[in-house]
Amino acid sequence: MTNPEDVKLVTLATNTLARSGAAQAAALRDTTGRTYVAISVTSPSLNLDAFEAVLTVALASGISGVESVVAIGAQPGNVKAIKDFAPTATLFGANPWASAAVRHSG
């Protein structure tokens, strides 16, 4: 990962995961440079992985496109949620204790 903006997403997602204690956290950068973070949500009536949750937060803010998304912790299962909305978005998954992120082709 060489893009400093993507490294910022890793930092945001890692810090969110540490604060929340959730299984997953994700950070998303939209096409205007704004960033959003979210964690996985699990309750008796609602289950969202981190990709679904961060996309929901971003869409609620009125985004028109996604540049990049980073997931930290357990790998979110619904990569399709991001790719359906933004087929050219770059997706990364990283273990919070690893030194490198892995790019997902979707």
PDB file of N, CA and C in Angstrom:
ATOM      1  N   MET A   1       0.868  -1.172   0.000  1.00  0.00           N
ATOM      2  CA  MET A   1       0.000   0.000   0.000  1.00  0.00           C
ATOM      3  C   MET A   1       0.907   1.224   0.000  1.00  0.00           C
ATOM      4  N   THR A   2       0.847   1.981  -1.089  1.00  0.00           N
ATOM      5  CA  THR A   2       1.730   3.134  -1.225  1.00  0.00           C
ATOM      6  C   THR A   2       1.000   4.472  -1.166  1.00  0.00           C
ATOM      7  N   ASN A   3      -0.305   4.468  -1.357  1.00  0.00           N
ATOM      8  CA  ASN A   3      -1.084   5.709  -1.336  1.00  0.00           C
ATOM      9  C   ASN A   3      -1.250   6.169   0.110  1.00  0.00           C
ATOM     10  N   PRO A   4      -0.747   7.370   0.460  1.00  0.00           N
ATOM     11  CA  PRO A   4      -0.885   7.858   1.833  1.00  0.00           C
ATOM     12  C   PRO A   4      -2.339   7.988   2.282  1.00  0.00           C
ATOM     13  N   GLU A   5      -3.241   8.243   1.341  1.00  0.00           N
ATOM     14  CA  GLU A   5      -4.658   8.347   1.692  1.00  0.00           C
ATOM     15  C   GLU A   5      -5.221   6.984   2.108  1.00  0.00           C
ATOM     16  N   ASP A   6      -4.741   5.910   1.488  1.00  0.00           N
ATOM     17  CA  ASP A   6      -5.155   4.568   1.883  1.00  0.00           C
ATOM     18  C   ASP A   6      -4.567   4.196   3.244  1.00  0.00           C
ATOM     19  N   VAL A   7      -3.349   4.631   3.503  1.00  0.00           N
ATOM     20  CA  VAL A   7      -2.730   4.394   4.807  1.00  0.00           C
ATOM     21  C   VAL A   7      -3.554   5.082   5.898  1.00  0.00           C
ATOM     22  N   LYS A   8      -4.074   6.277   5.600  1.00  0.00           N
ATOM     23  CA  LYS A   8      -4.959   6.965   6.555  1.00  0.00           C
ATOM     24  C   LYS A   8      -6.206   6.134   6.845  1.00  0.00           C
ATOM     25  N   LEU A   9      -6.754   5.496   5.809  1.00  0.00           N
ATOM     26  CA  LEU A   9      -7.929   4.646   6.012  1.00  0.00           C
ATOM     27  C   LEU A   9      -7.592   3.479   6.945  1.00  0.00           C
ATOM     28  N   VAL A  10      -6.406   2.901   6.784  1.00  0.00           N
ATOM     29  CA  VAL A  10      -5.982   1.809   7.670  1.00  0.00           C
ATOM     30  C   VAL A  10      -5.937   2.307   9.109  1.00  0.00           C
ATOM     31  N   THR A  11      -5.367   3.493   9.312  1.00  0.00           N
ATOM     32  CA  THR A  11      -5.283   4.065  10.661  1.00  0.00           C
ATOM     33  C   THR A  11      -6.668   4.305  11.245  1.00  0.00           C
ATOM     34  N   LEU A  12      -7.567   4.885  10.461  1.00  0.00           N
ATOM     35  CA  LEU A  12      -8.933   5.135  10.942  1.00  0.00           C
ATOM     36  C   LEU A  12      -9.647   3.839  11.312  1.00  0.00           C
ATOM     37  N   ALA A  13      -9.555   2.837  10.439  1.00  0.00           N
ATOM     38  CA  ALA A  13     -10.229   1.564  10.705  1.00  0.00           C
ATOM     39  C   ALA A  13      -9.600   0.848  11.905  1.00  0.00           C
ATOM     40  N   THR A  14      -8.285   0.868  12.000  1.00  0.00           N
ATOM     41  CA  THR A  14      -7.594   0.210  13.116  1.00  0.00           C
ATOM     42  C   THR A  14      -7.981   0.846  14.443  1.00  0.00           C
ATOM     43  N   ASN A  15      -7.996   2.169  14.492  1.00  0.00           N
ATOM     44  CA  ASN A  15      -8.363   2.865  15.728  1.00  0.00           C
ATOM     45  C   ASN A  15      -9.827   2.622  16.085  1.00  0.00           C
ATOM     46  N   THR A  16     -10.689   2.579  15.090  1.00  0.00           N
ATOM     47  CA  THR A  16     -12.109   2.310  15.337  1.00  0.00           C
ATOM     48  C   THR A  16     -12.299   0.903  15.879  1.00  0.00           C
ATOM     49  N   LEU A  17     -11.589  -0.062  15.314  1.00  0.00           N
ATOM     50  CA  LEU A  17     -11.659  -1.442  15.795  1.00  0.00           C
ATOM     51  C   LEU A  17     -11.185  -1.532  17.239  1.00  0.00           C
ATOM     52  N   ALA A  18     -10.087  -0.883  17.555  1.00  0.00           N
ATOM     53  CA  ALA A  18      -9.540  -0.920  18.915  1.00  0.00           C
ATOM     54  C   ALA A  18     -10.501  -0.299  19.925  1.00  0.00           C
ATOM     55  N   ARG A  19     -11.120   0.823  19.559  1.00  0.00           N
ATOM     56  CA  ARG A  19     -12.056   1.501  20.468  1.00  0.00           C
ATOM     57  C   ARG A  19     -13.342   0.710  20.668  1.00  0.00           C
ATOM     58  N   SER A  20     -13.792   0.051  19.626  1.00  0.00           N
ATOM     59  CA  SER A  20     -15.115  -0.575  19.666  1.00  0.00           C
ATOM     60  C   SER A  20     -15.102  -2.005  20.190  1.00  0.00           C
ATOM     61  N   GLY A  21     -14.014  -2.712  19.968  1.00  0.00           N
ATOM     62  CA  GLY A  21     -13.981  -4.126  20.327  1.00  0.00           C
ATOM     63  C   GLY A  21     -14.799  -4.995  19.398  1.00  0.00           C
ATOM     64  N   ALA A  22     -15.216  -4.451  18.252  1.00  0.00           N
ATOM     65  CA  ALA A  22     -16.018  -5.197  17.279  1.00  0.00           C
ATOM     66  C   ALA A  22     -15.142  -6.219  16.555  1.00  0.00           C
ATOM     67  N   ALA A  23     -15.774  -7.100  15.809  1.00  0.00           N
ATOM     68  CA  ALA A  23     -15.048  -8.103  15.026  1.00  0.00           C
ATOM     69  C   ALA A  23     -14.407  -7.487  13.786  1.00  0.00           C
ATOM     70  N   GLN A  24     -15.014  -6.429  13.255  1.00  0.00           N
ATOM     71  CA  GLN A  24     -14.547  -5.790  12.028  1.00  0.00           C
ATOM     72  C   GLN A  24     -14.755  -4.283  12.131  1.00  0.00           C
ATOM     73  N   ALA A  25     -13.901  -3.566  11.420  1.00  0.00           N
ATOM     74  CA  ALA A  25     -14.104  -2.128  11.223  1.00  0.00           C
ATOM     75  C   ALA A  25     -13.714  -1.828   9.781  1.00  0.00           C
ATOM     76  N   ALA A  26     -14.330  -0.816   9.214  1.00  0.00           N
ATOM     77  CA  ALA A  26     -13.997  -0.414   7.850  1.00  0.00           C
ATOM     78  C   ALA A  26     -13.962   1.103   7.764  1.00  0.00           C
ATOM     79  N   ALA A  27     -13.093   1.586   6.887  1.00  0.00           N
ATOM     80  CA  ALA A  27     -13.017   3.012   6.580  1.00  0.00           C
ATOM     81  C   ALA A  27     -13.141   3.163   5.074  1.00  0.00           C
ATOM     82  N   LEU A  28     -13.899   4.144   4.651  1.00  0.00           N
ATOM     83  CA  LEU A  28     -14.210   4.370   3.236  1.00  0.00           C
ATOM     84  C   LEU A  28     -13.865   5.797   2.881  1.00  0.00           C
ATOM     85  N   ARG A  29     -13.252   5.997   1.710  1.00  0.00           N
ATOM     86  CA  ARG A  29     -13.017   7.335   1.171  1.00  0.00           C
ATOM     87  C   ARG A  29     -13.867   7.478  -0.084  1.00  0.00           C
ATOM     88  N   ASP A  30     -14.663   8.532  -0.137  1.00  0.00           N
ATOM     89  CA  ASP A  30     -15.513   8.740  -1.314  1.00  0.00           C
ATOM     90  C   ASP A  30     -14.741   9.503  -2.384  1.00  0.00           C
ATOM     91  N   THR A  31     -15.364   9.763  -3.490  1.00  0.00           N
ATOM     92  CA  THR A  31     -14.692  10.406  -4.619  1.00  0.00           C
ATOM     93  C   THR A  31     -14.413  11.887  -4.400  1.00  0.00           C
ATOM     94  N   THR A  32     -14.925  12.455  -3.311  1.00  0.00           N
ATOM     95  CA  THR A  32     -14.604  13.847  -2.983  1.00  0.00           C
ATOM     96  C   THR A  32     -13.540  13.940  -1.894  1.00  0.00           C
ATOM     97  N   GLY A  33     -13.078  12.778  -1.397  1.00  0.00           N
ATOM     98  CA  GLY A  33     -12.048  12.757  -0.369  1.00  0.00           C
ATOM     99  C   GLY A  33     -12.564  12.656   1.055  1.00  0.00           C
ATOM    100  N   ARG A  34     -13.877  12.678   1.226  1.00  0.00           N
ATOM    101  CA  ARG A  34     -14.432  12.524   2.579  1.00  0.00           C
ATOM    102  C   ARG A  34     -14.274  11.081   3.034  1.00  0.00           C
ATOM    103  N   THR A  35     -14.112  10.903   4.337  1.00  0.00           N
ATOM    104  CA  THR A  35     -13.940   9.553   4.882  1.00  0.00           C
ATOM    105  C   THR A  35     -15.056   9.221   5.863  1.00  0.00           C
ATOM    106  N   TYR A  36     -15.325   7.923   5.952  1.00  0.00           N
ATOM    107  CA  TYR A  36     -16.377   7.396   6.815  1.00  0.00           C
ATOM    108  C   TYR A  36     -15.835   6.139   7.477  1.00  0.00           C
ATOM    109  N   VAL A  37     -16.258   5.874   8.716  1.00  0.00           N
ATOM    110  CA  VAL A  37     -15.869   4.642   9.403  1.00  0.00           C
ATOM    111  C   VAL A  37     -17.105   3.979   9.977  1.00  0.00           C
ATOM    112  N   ALA A  38     -17.028   2.673  10.135  1.00  0.00           N
ATOM    113  CA  ALA A  38     -18.129   1.914  10.742  1.00  0.00           C
ATOM    114  C   ALA A  38     -17.577   0.573  11.218  1.00  0.00           C
ATOM    115  N   ILE A  39     -18.342  -0.064  12.083  1.00  0.00           N
ATOM    116  CA  ILE A  39     -17.998  -1.395  12.575  1.00  0.00           C
ATOM    117  C   ILE A  39     -19.084  -2.376  12.162  1.00  0.00           C
ATOM    118  N   SER A  40     -18.768  -3.650  12.282  1.00  0.00           N
ATOM    119  CA  SER A  40     -19.795  -4.667  12.050  1.00  0.00           C
ATOM    120  C   SER A  40     -20.847  -4.537  13.151  1.00  0.00           C
ATOM    121  N   VAL A  41     -22.092  -4.836  12.806  1.00  0.00           N
ATOM    122  CA  VAL A  41     -23.208  -4.727  13.742  1.00  0.00           C
ATOM    123  C   VAL A  41     -23.903  -6.078  13.803  1.00  0.00           C
ATOM    124  N   THR A  42     -24.023  -6.613  15.000  1.00  0.00           N
ATOM    125  CA  THR A  42     -24.719  -7.889  15.177  1.00  0.00           C
ATOM    126  C   THR A  42     -25.687  -7.757  16.337  1.00  0.00           C
ATOM    127  N   SER A  43     -26.947  -7.982  16.032  1.00  0.00           N
ATOM    128  CA  SER A  43     -27.988  -7.965  17.061  1.00  0.00           C
ATOM    129  C   SER A  43     -29.021  -9.011  16.657  1.00  0.00           C
ATOM    130  N   PRO A  44     -29.991  -9.276  17.520  1.00  0.00           N
ATOM    131  CA  PRO A  44     -30.997 -10.279  17.156  1.00  0.00           C
ATOM    132  C   PRO A  44     -31.740  -9.981  15.851  1.00  0.00           C
ATOM    133  N   SER A  45     -31.891  -8.700  15.500  1.00  0.00           N
ATOM    134  CA  SER A  45     -32.678  -8.383  14.313  1.00  0.00           C
ATOM    135  C   SER A  45     -31.889  -7.679  13.209  1.00  0.00           C
ATOM    136  N   LEU A  46     -30.574  -7.468  13.395  1.00  0.00           N
ATOM    137  CA  LEU A  46     -29.784  -6.762  12.394  1.00  0.00           C
ATOM    138  C   LEU A  46     -28.367  -7.307  12.369  1.00  0.00           C
ATOM    139  N   ASN A  47     -27.899  -7.662  11.179  1.00  0.00           N
ATOM    140  CA  ASN A  47     -26.518  -8.108  11.005  1.00  0.00           C
ATOM    141  C   ASN A  47     -25.926  -7.413   9.785  1.00  0.00           C
ATOM    142  N   LEU A  48     -24.929  -6.571  10.030  1.00  0.00           N
ATOM    143  CA  LEU A  48     -24.219  -5.895   8.948  1.00  0.00           C
ATOM    144  C   LEU A  48     -22.734  -6.139   9.126  1.00  0.00           C
ATOM    145  N   ASP A  49     -22.054  -6.560   8.048  1.00  0.00           N
ATOM    146  CA  ASP A  49     -20.606  -6.616   8.176  1.00  0.00           C
ATOM    147  C   ASP A  49     -20.077  -5.189   8.022  1.00  0.00           C
ATOM    148  N   ALA A  50     -18.786  -5.003   8.235  1.00  0.00           N
ATOM    149  CA  ALA A  50     -18.219  -3.654   8.243  1.00  0.00           C
ATOM    150  C   ALA A  50     -18.346  -2.964   6.886  1.00  0.00           C
ATOM    151  N   PHE A  51     -18.223  -3.724   5.765  1.00  0.00           N
ATOM    152  CA  PHE A  51     -18.402  -3.110   4.443  1.00  0.00           C
ATOM    153  C   PHE A  51     -19.829  -2.599   4.277  1.00  0.00           C
ATOM    154  N   GLU A  52     -20.811  -3.392   4.681  1.00  0.00           N
ATOM    155  CA  GLU A  52     -22.205  -2.971   4.576  1.00  0.00           C
ATOM    156  C   GLU A  52     -22.467  -1.747   5.446  1.00  0.00           C
ATOM    157  N   ALA A  53     -21.926  -1.762   6.664  1.00  0.00           N
ATOM    158  CA  ALA A  53     -22.165  -0.662   7.600  1.00  0.00           C
ATOM    159  C   ALA A  53     -21.529   0.637   7.118  1.00  0.00           C
ATOM    160  N   VAL A  54     -20.277   0.582   6.653  1.00  0.00           N
ATOM    161  CA  VAL A  54     -19.625   1.819   6.219  1.00  0.00           C
ATOM    162  C   VAL A  54     -20.259   2.345   4.937  1.00  0.00           C
ATOM    163  N   LEU A  55     -20.688   1.461   4.055  1.00  0.00           N
ATOM    164  CA  LEU A  55     -21.379   1.919   2.849  1.00  0.00           C
ATOM    165  C   LEU A  55     -22.704   2.577   3.210  1.00  0.00           C
ATOM    166  N   THR A  56     -23.416   2.027   4.169  1.00  0.00           N
ATOM    167  CA  THR A  56     -24.681   2.612   4.624  1.00  0.00           C
ATOM    168  C   THR A  56     -24.468   4.020   5.172  1.00  0.00           C
ATOM    169  N   VAL A  57     -23.450   4.189   6.005  1.00  0.00           N
ATOM    170  CA  VAL A  57     -23.149   5.509   6.574  1.00  0.00           C
ATOM    171  C   VAL A  57     -22.802   6.496   5.453  1.00  0.00           C
ATOM    172  N   ALA A  58     -21.974   6.062   4.515  1.00  0.00           N
ATOM    173  CA  ALA A  58     -21.563   6.939   3.424  1.00  0.00           C
ATOM    174  C   ALA A  58     -22.743   7.302   2.516  1.00  0.00           C
ATOM    175  N   LEU A  59     -23.564   6.308   2.183  1.00  0.00           N
ATOM    176  CA  LEU A  59     -24.733   6.583   1.341  1.00  0.00           C
ATOM    177  C   LEU A  59     -25.704   7.534   2.040  1.00  0.00           C
ATOM    178  N   ALA A  60     -25.850   7.396   3.339  1.00  0.00           N
ATOM    179  CA  ALA A  60     -26.733   8.293   4.094  1.00  0.00           C
ATOM    180  C   ALA A  60     -26.223   9.738   4.053  1.00  0.00           C
ATOM    181  N   SER A  61     -24.927   9.901   3.806  1.00  0.00           N
ATOM    182  CA  SER A  61     -24.342  11.238   3.693  1.00  0.00           C
ATOM    183  C   SER A  61     -24.392  11.774   2.275  1.00  0.00           C
ATOM    184  N   GLY A  62     -24.888  10.966   1.332  1.00  0.00           N
ATOM    185  CA  GLY A  62     -25.083  11.438  -0.027  1.00  0.00           C
ATOM    186  C   GLY A  62     -23.903  11.264  -0.967  1.00  0.00           C
ATOM    187  N   ILE A  63     -23.057  10.286  -0.738  1.00  0.00           N
ATOM    188  CA  ILE A  63     -21.914  10.100  -1.639  1.00  0.00           C
ATOM    189  C   ILE A  63     -22.383   9.724  -3.041  1.00  0.00           C
ATOM    190  N   SER A  64     -21.517  10.018  -4.013  1.00  0.00           N
ATOM    191  CA  SER A  64     -21.823   9.636  -5.385  1.00  0.00           C
ATOM    192  C   SER A  64     -20.842   8.598  -5.921  1.00  0.00           C
ATOM    193  N   GLY A  65     -19.790   8.323  -5.181  1.00  0.00           N
ATOM    194  CA  GLY A  65     -18.807   7.344  -5.617  1.00  0.00           C
ATOM    195  C   GLY A  65     -17.865   6.971  -4.494  1.00  0.00           C
ATOM    196  N   VAL A  66     -17.152   5.852  -4.676  1.00  0.00           N
ATOM    197  CA  VAL A  66     -16.207   5.340  -3.686  1.00  0.00           C
ATOM    198  C   VAL A  66     -14.857   5.162  -4.357  1.00  0.00           C
ATOM    199  N   GLU A  67     -13.809   5.688  -3.728  1.00  0.00           N
ATOM    200  CA  GLU A  67     -12.449   5.470  -4.224  1.00  0.00           C
ATOM    201  C   GLU A  67     -11.832   4.231  -3.607  1.00  0.00           C
ATOM    202  N   SER A  68     -11.909   4.131  -2.265  1.00  0.00           N
ATOM    203  CA  SER A  68     -11.185   3.071  -1.588  1.00  0.00           C
ATOM    204  C   SER A  68     -11.865   2.723  -0.271  1.00  0.00           C
ATOM    205  N   VAL A  69     -11.760   1.436   0.091  1.00  0.00           N
ATOM    206  CA  VAL A  69     -12.310   0.962   1.367  1.00  0.00           C
ATOM    207  C   VAL A  69     -11.295   0.009   1.985  1.00  0.00           C
ATOM    208  N   VAL A  70     -11.084   0.160   3.284  1.00  0.00           N
ATOM    209  CA  VAL A  70     -10.186  -0.723   4.031  1.00  0.00           C
ATOM    210  C   VAL A  70     -10.986  -1.406   5.126  1.00  0.00           C
ATOM    211  N   ALA A  71     -10.837  -2.716   5.228  1.00  0.00           N
ATOM    212  CA  ALA A  71     -11.449  -3.485   6.316  1.00  0.00           C
ATOM    213  C   ALA A  71     -10.341  -3.999   7.221  1.00  0.00           C
ATOM    214  N   ILE A  72     -10.571  -3.918   8.518  1.00  0.00           N
ATOM    215  CA  ILE A  72      -9.608  -4.377   9.521  1.00  0.00           C
ATOM    216  C   ILE A  72     -10.297  -5.414  10.391  1.00  0.00           C
ATOM    217  N   GLY A  73      -9.548  -6.415  10.814  1.00  0.00           N
ATOM    218  CA  GLY A  73     -10.112  -7.470  11.660  1.00  0.00           C
ATOM    219  C   GLY A  73     -10.617  -8.606  10.805  1.00  0.00           C
ATOM    220  N   ALA A  74     -11.691  -9.239  11.244  1.00  0.00           N
ATOM    221  CA  ALA A  74     -12.284 -10.333  10.473  1.00  0.00           C
ATOM    222  C   ALA A  74     -12.701  -9.820   9.097  1.00  0.00           C
ATOM    223  N   GLN A  75     -12.435 -10.602   8.084  1.00  0.00           N
ATOM    224  CA  GLN A  75     -12.753 -10.170   6.716  1.00  0.00           C
ATOM    225  C   GLN A  75     -14.263 -10.085   6.507  1.00  0.00           C
ATOM    226  N   PRO A  76     -14.778  -8.905   6.100  1.00  0.00           N
ATOM    227  CA  PRO A  76     -16.196  -8.798   5.789  1.00  0.00           C
ATOM    228  C   PRO A  76     -16.573  -9.749   4.654  1.00  0.00           C
ATOM    229  N   GLY A  77     -17.742 -10.308   4.749  1.00  0.00           N
ATOM    230  CA  GLY A  77     -18.188 -11.258   3.746  1.00  0.00           C
ATOM    231  C   GLY A  77     -18.824 -10.624   2.532  1.00  0.00           C
ATOM    232  N   ASN A  78     -19.320  -9.405   2.656  1.00  0.00           N
ATOM    233  CA  ASN A  78     -20.098  -8.819   1.570  1.00  0.00           C
ATOM    234  C   ASN A  78     -19.315  -7.773   0.782  1.00  0.00           C
ATOM    235  N   VAL A  79     -18.278  -8.214   0.096  1.00  0.00           N
ATOM    236  CA  VAL A  79     -17.525  -7.334  -0.797  1.00  0.00           C
ATOM    237  C   VAL A  79     -18.441  -6.816  -1.898  1.00  0.00           C
ATOM    238  N   LYS A  80     -19.421  -7.611  -2.275  1.00  0.00           N
ATOM    239  CA  LYS A  80     -20.368  -7.263  -3.342  1.00  0.00           C
ATOM    240  C   LYS A  80     -21.123  -5.968  -3.026  1.00  0.00           C
ATOM    241  N   ALA A  81     -21.376  -5.700  -1.761  1.00  0.00           N
ATOM    242  CA  ALA A  81     -22.085  -4.469  -1.391  1.00  0.00           C
ATOM    243  C   ALA A  81     -21.339  -3.240  -1.904  1.00  0.00           C
ATOM    244  N   ILE A  82     -20.023  -3.237  -1.773  1.00  0.00           N
ATOM    245  CA  ILE A  82     -19.222  -2.117  -2.258  1.00  0.00           C
ATOM    246  C   ILE A  82     -19.107  -2.171  -3.778  1.00  0.00           C
ATOM    247  N   LYS A  83     -18.768  -3.343  -4.315  1.00  0.00           N
ATOM    248  CA  LYS A  83     -18.518  -3.469  -5.754  1.00  0.00           C
ATOM    249  C   LYS A  83     -19.769  -3.200  -6.595  1.00  0.00           C
ATOM    250  N   ASP A  84     -20.947  -3.520  -6.086  1.00  0.00           N
ATOM    251  CA  ASP A  84     -22.174  -3.209  -6.822  1.00  0.00           C
ATOM    252  C   ASP A  84     -22.372  -1.701  -6.953  1.00  0.00           C
ATOM    253  N   PHE A  85     -22.042  -0.962  -5.907  1.00  0.00           N
ATOM    254  CA  PHE A  85     -22.203   0.484  -5.925  1.00  0.00           C
ATOM    255  C   PHE A  85     -21.054   1.165  -6.673  1.00  0.00           C
ATOM    256  N   ALA A  86     -19.836   0.652  -6.477  1.00  0.00           N
ATOM    257  CA  ALA A  86     -18.644   1.281  -7.051  1.00  0.00           C
ATOM    258  C   ALA A  86     -17.701   0.215  -7.592  1.00  0.00           C
ATOM    259  N   PRO A  87     -17.946  -0.252  -8.817  1.00  0.00           N
ATOM    260  CA  PRO A  87     -17.155  -1.350  -9.379  1.00  0.00           C
ATOM    261  C   PRO A  87     -15.653  -1.085  -9.454  1.00  0.00           C
ATOM    262  N   THR A  88     -15.246   0.181  -9.543  1.00  0.00           N
ATOM    263  CA  THR A  88     -13.821   0.482  -9.657  1.00  0.00           C
ATOM    264  C   THR A  88     -13.155   0.800  -8.318  1.00  0.00           C
ATOM    265  N   ALA A  89     -13.894   0.723  -7.227  1.00  0.00           N
ATOM    266  CA  ALA A  89     -13.325   1.016  -5.908  1.00  0.00           C
ATOM    267  C   ALA A  89     -12.220   0.019  -5.574  1.00  0.00           C
ATOM    268  N   THR A  90     -11.207   0.515  -4.898  1.00  0.00           N
ATOM    269  CA  THR A  90     -10.128  -0.331  -4.416  1.00  0.00           C
ATOM    270  C   THR A  90     -10.497  -0.814  -3.024  1.00  0.00           C
ATOM    271  N   LEU A  91     -10.399  -2.118  -2.800  1.00  0.00           N
ATOM    272  CA  LEU A  91     -10.731  -2.701  -1.506  1.00  0.00           C
ATOM    273  C   LEU A  91      -9.489  -3.353  -0.917  1.00  0.00           C
ATOM    274  N   PHE A  92      -9.250  -3.086   0.368  1.00  0.00           N
ATOM    275  CA  PHE A  92      -8.140  -3.686   1.078  1.00  0.00           C
ATOM    276  C   PHE A  92      -8.666  -4.353   2.338  1.00  0.00           C
ATOM    277  N   GLY A  93      -8.052  -5.448   2.704  1.00  0.00           N
ATOM    278  CA  GLY A  93      -8.328  -6.091   3.981  1.00  0.00           C
ATOM    279  C   GLY A  93      -7.026  -6.216   4.729  1.00  0.00           C
ATOM    280  N   ALA A  94      -7.046  -5.970   6.025  1.00  0.00           N
ATOM    281  CA  ALA A  94      -5.814  -6.047   6.807  1.00  0.00           C
ATOM    282  C   ALA A  94      -6.104  -6.573   8.194  1.00  0.00           C
ATOM    283  N   ASN A  95      -5.198  -7.358   8.680  1.00  0.00           N
ATOM    284  CA  ASN A  95      -5.225  -7.768  10.076  1.00  0.00           C
ATOM    285  C   ASN A  95      -4.686  -6.585  10.863  1.00  0.00           C
ATOM    286  N   PRO A  96      -5.304  -6.200  11.971  1.00  0.00           N
ATOM    287  CA  PRO A  96      -4.856  -4.995  12.679  1.00  0.00           C
ATOM    288  C   PRO A  96      -3.440  -5.100  13.227  1.00  0.00           C
ATOM    289  N   TRP A  97      -2.892  -6.296  13.308  1.00  0.00           N
ATOM    290  CA  TRP A  97      -1.558  -6.469  13.851  1.00  0.00           C
ATOM    291  C   TRP A  97      -0.527  -6.737  12.767  1.00  0.00           C
ATOM    292  N   ALA A  98      -0.962  -6.770  11.521  1.00  0.00           N
ATOM    293  CA  ALA A  98      -0.044  -7.016  10.403  1.00  0.00           C
ATOM    294  C   ALA A  98       0.517  -5.694   9.906  1.00  0.00           C
ATOM    295  N   SER A  99       1.642  -5.767   9.235  1.00  0.00           N
ATOM    296  CA  SER A  99       2.263  -4.539   8.745  1.00  0.00           C
ATOM    297  C   SER A  99       1.842  -4.190   7.326  1.00  0.00           C
ATOM    298  N   ALA A 100       1.122  -5.083   6.674  1.00  0.00           N
ATOM    299  CA  ALA A 100       0.737  -4.815   5.281  1.00  0.00           C
ATOM    300  C   ALA A 100      -0.720  -5.150   5.063  1.00  0.00           C
ATOM    301  N   ALA A 101      -1.305  -4.447   4.131  1.00  0.00           N
ATOM    302  CA  ALA A 101      -2.708  -4.715   3.758  1.00  0.00           C
ATOM    303  C   ALA A 101      -2.725  -5.573   2.504  1.00  0.00           C
ATOM    304  N   VAL A 102      -3.797  -6.305   2.336  1.00  0.00           N
ATOM    305  CA  VAL A 102      -3.969  -7.168   1.163  1.00  0.00           C
ATOM    306  C   VAL A 102      -5.067  -6.578   0.297  1.00  0.00           C
ATOM    307  N   ARG A 103      -4.776  -6.421  -0.976  1.00  0.00           N
ATOM    308  CA  ARG A 103      -5.760  -5.872  -1.909  1.00  0.00           C
ATOM    309  C   ARG A 103      -6.705  -6.966  -2.344  1.00  0.00           C
ATOM    310  N   HIS A 104      -7.999  -6.626  -2.400  1.00  0.00           N
ATOM    311  CA  HIS A 104      -9.030  -7.578  -2.837  1.00  0.00           C
ATOM    312  C   HIS A 104      -9.482  -7.205  -4.232  1.00  0.00           C
ATOM    313  N   SER A 105      -9.546  -8.199  -5.089  1.00  0.00           N
ATOM    314  CA  SER A 105      -9.976  -7.929  -6.451  1.00  0.00           C
ATOM    315  C   SER A 105     -11.481  -7.908  -6.587  1.00  0.00           C
ATOM    316  N   GLY A 106     -12.192  -8.424  -5.577  1.00  0.00           N
ATOM    317  CA  GLY A 106     -13.646  -8.376  -5.566  1.00  0.00           C
ATOM    318  C   GLY A 106     -14.250  -9.425  -6.411  1.00  0.00           C
TER     319      GLY A 106
END
